Amino acid sequence: MLGNDARPRFFPVADPGDLGLTPPPDRHGTAVRVWARSLAGMQKEVLVSTTLGDPAWRLVSDEGSDLNGYDEGPFPLGHMAAGMVASYTNELVALAHQRGIELRDLRLTLDNYYTMEGSALRGTMIGGALPPELSLECTSDLDADGLRGLVSDAVHASPVNALLRQALVSAFTLTVNGERGDPGRVPELGSDCPPDPDGSFVEARVASSEVSQPLVELLPEPASDDAGDGGGLTETQNRRLHVRAVCTIRDDGVKEITAHLRRPAGALFRFLSDEPAGPGRPARAPDAASYVAAGIAFCFMTQFGRYAAITKKKLETYRLVQDLHLPMGGASGATGTAGNADPVETHVYLETPHGHEFGQLALAMSEQTCFLHAVCRTALKTRIRVLARR
């Protein structure tokens, strides 16, 4: 349980290689490995390592009252929204600099929408993703049409857009009670399973590097009559979710992001994000790719917990090793191209007295209901709006 851990909830990890945590071989410019494990209730933690030269990061997640959680950490879709809007901001700032365009008082707002429909017990429940909406507010000498073109180019240059614009079907391995077997209905990942990272999480130590603290914090949430009440655990669903993330840039260059679950009304969290600036200047907060990868893992794990709760089956622990392959930024990475992403690759480790057949079913339903695997398997085009001030 997070409350029993004396370490900070979010921190850079000292010597992750000593734990065995290293990113996978790079394919497209950015490779991210996530170790994830379940804790009490809906609480989860990850260790994230990338090829970007960052520190590795320890991040945590919880759910709100809609899933009988306690907001001990940000909700999974908040991590994803923070990573997405940070990625768009990186490319927008880099592209504006390359073109000699000054953007003052920049504020990017990202609205993400998801759907959940069907019955978990009948196997028809499915999570869906709708096109994101990105709004820019800033003061600039460029007119609205020029800014709209700039934002459009920044979106296309963003590494996270490679996940959205392609339909990518994730692949998996499944290990139940220590034995690997057929993953069932989901595509099988044709590679060896890495070691189960279970014992390594408690060994992670806080690095002494300079970081901005607190990296993530819970903010007072706006009043609402639409608060969650455990409805996310009902057997039949027909609803739409809305997450809003707002990004501004501090004077020191660190991005400050608020992520809010607006429907059903939930918690408001503040995230800090930064990118490494080369040798000797590591990121002062988690980078965009780390937040995106963590968000996918957290959301996927939530679905295991949901399915076990709905079916009243015992799922003692569940862990993941997840690899994500993204391109470098077209502007921030100076590639000049949009780049491609690969399908998410996930090794699943379950402990359950119900055996492998239940493990297969839990895996299939978790992939089917995961909002962020839905993002990956659905080709989405980001909608853009601009509010220019002079």
Protein backbone atom coordinates (compact mmCIF):
# COMPACT_ATOMS: atom_id res chain seq x y z
CA MET A 1 0.00 0.00 0.00
CA LEU A 2 1.30 3.45 -0.91
CA GLY A 3 0.62 4.86 2.55
CA ASN A 4 3.06 2.37 4.10
CA ASP A 5 5.97 3.33 1.81
CA ALA A 6 8.43 5.83 3.32
CA ARG A 7 9.81 6.81 -0.09
CA PRO A 8 8.37 9.68 -2.13
CA ARG A 9 5.54 8.62 -4.39
CA PHE A 10 7.41 9.95 -7.45
CA PHE A 11 11.18 10.02 -7.76
CA PRO A 12 14.17 9.46 -10.06
CA VAL A 13 15.56 5.96 -9.54
CA ALA A 14 19.20 5.52 -8.56
CA ASP A 15 21.20 3.01 -10.62
CA PRO A 16 18.25 1.32 -12.38
CA GLY A 17 20.67 -0.97 -14.20
CA ASP A 18 21.56 -2.57 -10.87
CA LEU A 19 17.90 -3.56 -10.59
CA GLY A 20 17.97 -5.01 -14.10
CA LEU A 21 15.87 -2.16 -15.51
CA THR A 22 17.15 -0.97 -18.87
CA PRO A 23 15.22 0.19 -21.94
CA PRO A 24 14.80 -2.25 -24.83
CA PRO A 25 16.96 -1.85 -27.95
CA ASP A 26 15.93 1.29 -29.79
CA ARG A 27 14.00 0.91 -33.07
CA HIS A 28 12.68 4.34 -34.03
CA GLY A 29 14.43 6.88 -31.79
CA THR A 30 12.72 6.44 -28.42
CA ALA A 31 12.35 3.13 -26.58
CA VAL A 32 10.61 2.90 -23.20
CA ARG A 33 10.42 -0.04 -20.81
CA VAL A 34 7.91 -0.07 -17.98
CA TRP A 35 7.89 -2.40 -15.02
CA ALA A 36 4.47 -2.31 -13.35
CA ARG A 37 2.88 -4.05 -10.40
CA SER A 38 -0.40 -3.95 -8.52
CA LEU A 39 -0.57 -2.80 -4.91
CA ALA A 40 -3.58 -2.58 -2.59
CA GLY A 41 -6.98 -1.95 -4.16
CA MET A 42 -6.57 0.04 -7.38
CA GLN A 43 -3.12 1.35 -6.43
CA LYS A 44 -0.22 0.58 -8.76
CA GLU A 45 3.41 1.56 -9.25
CA VAL A 46 5.79 1.58 -12.21
CA LEU A 47 9.48 1.98 -12.84
CA VAL A 48 10.14 3.55 -16.26
CA SER A 49 13.39 3.66 -18.24
CA THR A 50 13.95 5.25 -21.67
CA THR A 51 16.70 5.62 -24.25
CA LEU A 52 16.44 9.42 -23.97
CA GLY A 53 19.17 9.73 -21.35
CA ASP A 54 16.74 10.57 -18.56
CA PRO A 55 16.83 9.18 -15.11
CA ALA A 56 14.55 6.21 -14.69
CA TRP A 57 11.41 7.23 -12.81
CA ARG A 58 9.17 5.70 -10.20
CA LEU A 59 5.54 6.74 -10.68
CA VAL A 60 2.35 5.66 -8.94
CA SER A 61 -1.35 5.62 -9.74
CA ASP A 62 -4.67 5.17 -8.03
CA GLU A 63 -8.28 5.55 -9.04
CA GLY A 64 -10.96 7.79 -7.60
CA SER A 65 -14.32 6.99 -6.05
CA ASP A 66 -15.73 5.87 -9.41
CA LEU A 67 -13.58 2.74 -9.04
CA ASN A 68 -13.58 2.67 -5.22
CA GLY A 69 -10.11 4.23 -5.13
CA TYR A 70 -8.72 6.95 -2.88
CA ASP A 71 -6.81 9.28 -5.23
CA GLU A 72 -3.52 8.31 -3.57
CA GLY A 73 -1.94 8.91 -6.99
CA PRO A 74 -3.11 10.24 -10.35
CA PHE A 75 -5.64 8.26 -12.36
CA PRO A 76 -4.11 6.42 -15.37
CA LEU A 77 -5.78 8.60 -18.00
CA GLY A 78 -4.24 11.62 -16.27
CA HIS A 79 -0.74 10.24 -16.86
CA MET A 80 -1.58 9.71 -20.53
CA ALA A 81 -3.06 13.18 -20.94
CA ALA A 82 -0.05 14.77 -19.24
CA GLY A 83 2.33 12.90 -21.54
CA MET A 84 0.35 13.76 -24.66
CA VAL A 85 0.07 17.49 -23.97
CA ALA A 86 3.75 17.62 -22.93
CA SER A 87 4.72 15.95 -26.22
CA TYR A 88 2.65 18.41 -28.25
CA THR A 89 4.16 21.32 -26.31
CA ASN A 90 7.70 20.08 -26.94
CA GLU A 91 7.14 20.07 -30.69
CA LEU A 92 5.25 23.36 -30.76
CA VAL A 93 8.01 25.21 -28.90
CA ALA A 94 10.78 23.62 -31.00
CA LEU A 95 8.98 24.32 -34.27
CA ALA A 96 8.24 27.93 -33.33
CA HIS A 97 11.91 28.44 -32.46
CA GLN A 98 13.04 26.95 -35.77
CA ARG A 99 10.69 29.26 -37.68
CA GLY A 100 11.50 32.37 -35.68
CA ILE A 101 7.99 32.67 -34.26
CA GLU A 102 7.53 34.09 -30.78
CA LEU A 103 4.79 32.52 -28.66
CA ARG A 104 4.05 34.38 -25.41
CA ASP A 105 1.87 33.21 -22.54
CA LEU A 106 1.48 29.82 -24.19
CA ARG A 107 -1.28 27.57 -22.91
CA LEU A 108 -2.20 24.24 -24.53
CA THR A 109 -5.42 22.47 -23.54
CA LEU A 110 -6.00 18.83 -24.47
CA ASP A 111 -9.40 17.18 -24.20
CA ASN A 112 -9.46 13.37 -24.44
CA TYR A 113 -12.68 11.38 -24.73
CA TYR A 114 -13.26 7.67 -24.14
CA THR A 115 -16.23 5.30 -24.24
CA MET A 116 -17.14 2.12 -22.39
CA GLU A 117 -20.02 -0.04 -23.57
CA GLY A 118 -21.30 -3.58 -23.05
CA SER A 119 -21.32 -6.35 -20.47
CA ALA A 120 -18.23 -7.67 -18.71
CA LEU A 121 -19.89 -10.96 -17.77
CA ARG A 122 -21.09 -11.60 -21.32
CA GLY A 123 -17.71 -10.59 -22.73
CA THR A 124 -19.11 -7.72 -24.81
CA MET A 125 -17.70 -4.80 -22.82
CA ILE A 126 -15.29 -2.74 -24.90
CA GLY A 127 -13.38 0.46 -24.33
CA GLY A 128 -13.12 3.03 -27.08
CA ALA A 129 -11.21 6.22 -27.85
CA LEU A 130 -12.48 9.31 -29.68
CA PRO A 131 -10.42 11.98 -31.50
CA PRO A 132 -8.56 14.28 -29.09
CA GLU A 133 -9.11 18.03 -29.19
CA LEU A 134 -6.15 20.39 -28.79
CA SER A 135 -6.58 24.12 -28.16
CA LEU A 136 -3.81 26.75 -28.22
CA GLU A 137 -4.03 30.07 -26.43
CA CYS A 138 -1.10 32.46 -26.79
CA THR A 139 -0.01 35.97 -27.66
CA SER A 140 1.78 36.13 -30.99
CA ASP A 141 2.33 38.34 -34.03
CA LEU A 142 1.22 35.37 -36.14
CA ASP A 143 -2.47 35.39 -37.10
CA ALA A 144 -4.90 32.61 -36.20
CA ASP A 145 -4.49 30.78 -39.52
CA GLY A 146 -0.71 30.84 -39.19
CA LEU A 147 -0.91 29.55 -35.62
CA ARG A 148 -3.33 26.84 -36.66
CA GLY A 149 -0.85 25.64 -39.26
CA LEU A 150 1.95 25.75 -36.70
CA VAL A 151 -0.03 23.64 -34.22
CA SER A 152 -1.00 21.17 -36.96
CA ASP A 153 2.65 20.74 -37.92
CA ALA A 154 3.60 20.31 -34.25
CA VAL A 155 0.99 17.59 -33.77
CA HIS A 156 2.27 15.69 -36.82
CA ALA A 157 5.84 16.01 -35.51
CA SER A 158 4.92 14.70 -32.06
CA PRO A 159 6.09 11.18 -31.13
CA VAL A 160 2.79 10.45 -29.42
CA ASN A 161 0.92 11.22 -32.64
CA ALA A 162 2.58 8.14 -34.15
CA LEU A 163 0.54 6.07 -31.68
CA LEU A 164 -2.66 7.89 -32.61
CA ARG A 165 -2.54 8.16 -36.39
CA GLN A 166 -1.84 4.44 -36.95
CA ALA A 167 -4.03 1.49 -35.96
CA LEU A 168 -1.62 -0.58 -33.87
CA VAL A 169 -2.73 -3.91 -32.38
CA SER A 170 -0.84 -4.74 -29.19
CA ALA A 171 0.83 -8.12 -28.58
CA PHE A 172 1.28 -10.04 -25.33
CA THR A 173 2.75 -12.96 -23.45
CA LEU A 174 0.96 -14.51 -20.49
CA THR A 175 2.54 -16.12 -17.45
CA VAL A 176 0.17 -17.47 -14.79
CA ASN A 177 1.49 -18.66 -11.43
CA GLY A 178 5.01 -18.75 -12.84
CA GLU A 179 4.23 -20.74 -16.00
CA ARG A 180 4.09 -19.18 -19.46
CA GLY A 181 1.25 -20.37 -21.67
CA ASP A 182 -0.95 -19.48 -24.62
CA PRO A 183 -2.29 -15.92 -24.19
CA GLY A 184 -5.60 -16.93 -25.75
CA ARG A 185 -7.59 -14.46 -27.85
CA VAL A 186 -5.03 -11.66 -27.93
CA PRO A 187 -2.08 -11.61 -30.38
CA GLU A 188 0.94 -13.43 -28.98
CA LEU A 189 4.29 -11.69 -28.72
CA GLY A 190 6.85 -13.99 -30.30
CA SER A 191 9.75 -13.34 -27.96
CA ASP A 192 11.13 -14.69 -24.72
CA CYS A 193 9.67 -13.35 -21.50
CA PRO A 194 11.99 -11.09 -19.53
CA PRO A 195 12.41 -11.91 -15.84
CA ASP A 196 9.42 -11.12 -13.66
CA PRO A 197 10.42 -7.84 -11.92
CA ASP A 198 8.36 -8.53 -8.79
CA GLY A 199 11.16 -8.34 -6.22
CA SER A 200 12.84 -5.27 -7.70
CA PHE A 201 10.29 -2.58 -6.85
CA VAL A 202 11.11 -2.42 -3.15
CA GLU A 203 14.82 -2.15 -4.00
CA ALA A 204 14.38 1.07 -6.00
CA ARG A 205 16.21 3.95 -4.31
CA VAL A 206 15.85 7.70 -4.74
CA ALA A 207 18.59 9.19 -6.91
CA SER A 208 20.34 12.32 -5.69
CA SER A 209 19.89 14.13 -9.00
CA GLU A 210 18.36 17.60 -9.08
CA VAL A 211 14.63 17.36 -9.73
CA SER A 212 11.69 19.70 -9.37
CA GLN A 213 9.61 18.74 -6.35
CA PRO A 214 6.89 17.84 -5.89
CA LEU A 215 6.82 16.13 -9.27
CA VAL A 216 3.11 15.34 -8.97
CA GLU A 217 0.53 16.55 -6.48
CA LEU A 218 -3.19 16.39 -5.84
CA LEU A 219 -4.95 19.75 -6.11
CA PRO A 220 -8.31 20.79 -4.65
CA GLU A 221 -10.88 19.56 -7.11
CA PRO A 222 -13.66 21.76 -8.48
CA ALA A 223 -17.10 21.27 -7.00
CA SER A 224 -19.34 18.94 -9.01
CA ASP A 225 -22.59 17.03 -8.73
CA ASP A 226 -21.20 14.29 -11.00
CA ALA A 227 -18.80 12.64 -8.55
CA GLY A 228 -18.01 8.96 -8.96
CA ASP A 229 -19.75 6.39 -6.80
CA GLY A 230 -18.20 3.09 -7.80
CA GLY A 231 -20.06 3.11 -11.11
CA GLY A 232 -16.93 2.04 -12.95
CA LEU A 233 -17.32 -1.40 -11.37
CA THR A 234 -20.84 -2.07 -12.63
CA GLU A 235 -21.22 -5.14 -14.84
CA THR A 236 -22.84 -3.27 -17.73
CA GLN A 237 -21.52 0.05 -19.03
CA ASN A 238 -22.71 2.70 -21.46
CA ARG A 239 -20.85 5.90 -20.81
CA ARG A 240 -18.39 8.48 -22.03
CA LEU A 241 -15.35 9.78 -20.14
CA HIS A 242 -13.69 13.18 -20.52
CA VAL A 243 -10.18 14.09 -19.37
CA ARG A 244 -8.74 17.59 -19.71
CA ALA A 245 -5.04 18.46 -19.44
CA VAL A 246 -3.72 22.03 -19.51
CA CYS A 247 -0.02 22.76 -20.07
CA THR A 248 1.92 25.95 -19.41
CA ILE A 249 5.69 26.51 -19.25
CA ARG A 250 7.41 27.88 -16.16
CA ASP A 251 10.21 30.44 -16.32
CA ASP A 252 12.76 27.64 -15.79
CA GLY A 253 11.43 25.74 -18.83
CA VAL A 254 9.73 22.95 -16.88
CA LYS A 255 6.22 22.22 -18.13
CA GLU A 256 3.43 22.44 -15.55
CA ILE A 257 0.36 20.38 -16.39
CA THR A 258 -2.97 19.98 -14.67
CA ALA A 259 -4.96 16.86 -15.53
CA HIS A 260 -8.59 16.62 -14.49
CA LEU A 261 -11.11 13.82 -14.85
CA ARG A 262 -14.13 15.92 -15.80
CA ARG A 263 -16.62 13.15 -16.54
CA PRO A 264 -17.33 11.39 -14.28
CA ALA A 265 -16.10 14.21 -12.08
CA GLY A 266 -12.89 13.20 -10.37
CA ALA A 267 -9.57 14.40 -9.08
CA LEU A 268 -7.37 17.22 -10.33
CA PHE A 269 -3.61 16.57 -10.34
CA ARG A 270 -0.64 18.72 -11.20
CA PHE A 271 2.26 17.10 -13.09
CA LEU A 272 5.70 18.49 -13.89
CA SER A 273 7.42 17.38 -17.10
CA ASP A 274 10.83 18.01 -18.63
CA GLU A 275 13.04 16.59 -21.35
CA PRO A 276 16.77 15.83 -21.05
CA ALA A 277 19.00 18.47 -22.59
CA GLY A 278 22.01 16.29 -23.32
CA PRO A 279 24.90 14.93 -21.23
CA GLY A 280 25.17 16.57 -17.84
CA ARG A 281 21.65 17.99 -17.96
CA PRO A 282 19.15 15.22 -17.28
CA ALA A 283 15.45 15.92 -17.12
CA ARG A 284 14.26 17.60 -13.93
CA ALA A 285 10.91 15.80 -14.11
CA PRO A 286 9.51 12.84 -16.06
CA ASP A 287 9.56 13.24 -19.84
CA ALA A 288 6.51 13.00 -22.08
CA ALA A 289 7.26 9.46 -23.29
CA SER A 290 7.58 8.16 -19.73
CA TYR A 291 4.18 9.56 -18.77
CA VAL A 292 2.57 8.11 -21.92
CA ALA A 293 4.07 4.65 -21.36
CA ALA A 294 3.15 4.69 -17.67
CA GLY A 295 -0.39 5.76 -18.50
CA ILE A 296 -0.88 2.83 -20.88
CA ALA A 297 0.44 0.36 -18.30
CA PHE A 298 -1.63 1.84 -15.47
CA CYS A 299 -4.86 1.85 -17.49
CA PHE A 300 -4.31 -1.74 -18.63
CA MET A 301 -3.71 -2.85 -15.05
CA THR A 302 -6.86 -1.10 -13.88
CA GLN A 303 -8.83 -3.30 -16.26
CA PHE A 304 -7.43 -6.46 -14.62
CA GLY A 305 -8.57 -5.15 -11.25
CA ARG A 306 -11.99 -4.16 -12.62
CA TYR A 307 -12.55 -7.52 -14.29
CA ALA A 308 -11.59 -9.47 -11.18
CA ALA A 309 -13.91 -7.30 -9.05
CA ILE A 310 -16.86 -7.62 -11.45
CA THR A 311 -16.48 -11.39 -11.86
CA LYS A 312 -15.70 -11.85 -8.14
CA LYS A 313 -12.56 -13.82 -8.96
CA LYS A 314 -9.38 -13.74 -6.92
CA LEU A 315 -6.46 -12.06 -8.66
CA GLU A 316 -3.78 -11.88 -6.01
CA THR A 317 -1.17 -9.85 -7.89
CA TYR A 318 -0.57 -8.74 -11.45
CA ARG A 319 2.56 -7.35 -13.01
CA LEU A 320 3.72 -6.17 -16.42
CA VAL A 321 6.86 -5.62 -18.43
CA GLN A 322 5.79 -3.27 -21.21
CA ASP A 323 7.86 -1.95 -24.12
CA LEU A 324 6.90 1.10 -26.15
CA HIS A 325 8.70 2.21 -29.31
CA LEU A 326 8.17 5.79 -30.50
CA PRO A 327 9.98 8.06 -32.96
CA MET A 328 12.01 11.09 -31.99
CA GLY A 329 10.19 14.39 -32.27
CA GLY A 330 10.15 15.76 -35.80
CA ALA A 331 11.03 19.22 -34.47
CA SER A 332 12.51 18.63 -31.00
CA GLY A 333 14.55 15.70 -32.30
CA ALA A 334 15.40 17.52 -35.54
CA THR A 335 14.35 14.56 -37.68
CA GLY A 336 12.06 16.63 -39.89
CA THR A 337 9.65 13.69 -40.23
CA ALA A 338 6.59 12.37 -38.44
CA GLY A 339 8.07 8.92 -37.75
CA ASN A 340 6.38 5.65 -36.83
CA ALA A 341 5.53 3.76 -33.67
CA ASP A 342 5.31 0.01 -33.07
CA PRO A 343 2.46 -1.87 -31.38
CA VAL A 344 2.75 -1.97 -27.60
CA GLU A 345 4.47 -5.16 -26.40
CA THR A 346 3.45 -6.42 -22.97
CA HIS A 347 4.48 -9.39 -20.85
CA VAL A 348 1.77 -10.16 -18.28
CA TYR A 349 2.42 -11.99 -14.99
CA LEU A 350 -0.62 -13.08 -12.95
CA GLU A 351 -1.01 -14.86 -9.63
CA THR A 352 -4.46 -16.44 -9.27
CA PRO A 353 -5.94 -19.65 -7.84
CA HIS A 354 -8.25 -19.87 -10.87
CA GLY A 355 -5.50 -21.01 -13.24
CA HIS A 356 -4.49 -20.30 -16.79
CA GLU A 357 -7.95 -20.32 -18.37
CA PHE A 358 -9.05 -17.46 -16.13
CA GLY A 359 -5.76 -15.71 -16.88
CA GLN A 360 -6.50 -15.87 -20.61
CA LEU A 361 -9.97 -14.46 -20.10
CA ALA A 362 -8.73 -11.69 -17.80
CA LEU A 363 -6.06 -10.73 -20.34
CA ALA A 364 -8.50 -10.68 -23.26
CA MET A 365 -11.08 -8.60 -21.39
CA SER A 366 -8.45 -6.22 -20.00
CA GLU A 367 -7.09 -5.50 -23.47
CA GLN A 368 -10.62 -5.19 -24.84
CA THR A 369 -11.71 -2.69 -22.17
CA CYS A 370 -8.48 -0.69 -21.84
CA PHE A 371 -9.05 2.88 -23.04
CA LEU A 372 -5.41 3.36 -23.95
CA HIS A 373 -4.99 0.13 -25.88
CA ALA A 374 -8.10 1.40 -27.70
CA VAL A 375 -6.15 4.58 -28.49
CA CYS A 376 -3.41 2.45 -30.00
CA ARG A 377 -5.68 0.22 -32.09
CA THR A 378 -7.78 3.14 -33.42
CA ALA A 379 -6.54 5.62 -36.02
CA LEU A 380 -7.28 9.04 -34.48
CA LYS A 381 -6.83 12.55 -35.86
CA THR A 382 -6.35 15.35 -33.34
CA ARG A 383 -8.73 18.28 -33.79
CA ILE A 384 -7.16 21.71 -33.43
CA ARG A 385 -8.50 25.06 -32.20
CA VAL A 386 -6.57 28.33 -31.82
CA LEU A 387 -7.26 31.43 -29.74
CA ALA A 388 -4.73 34.08 -30.76
CA ARG A 389 -4.03 37.28 -28.83
CA ARG A 390 -1.96 40.20 -30.10
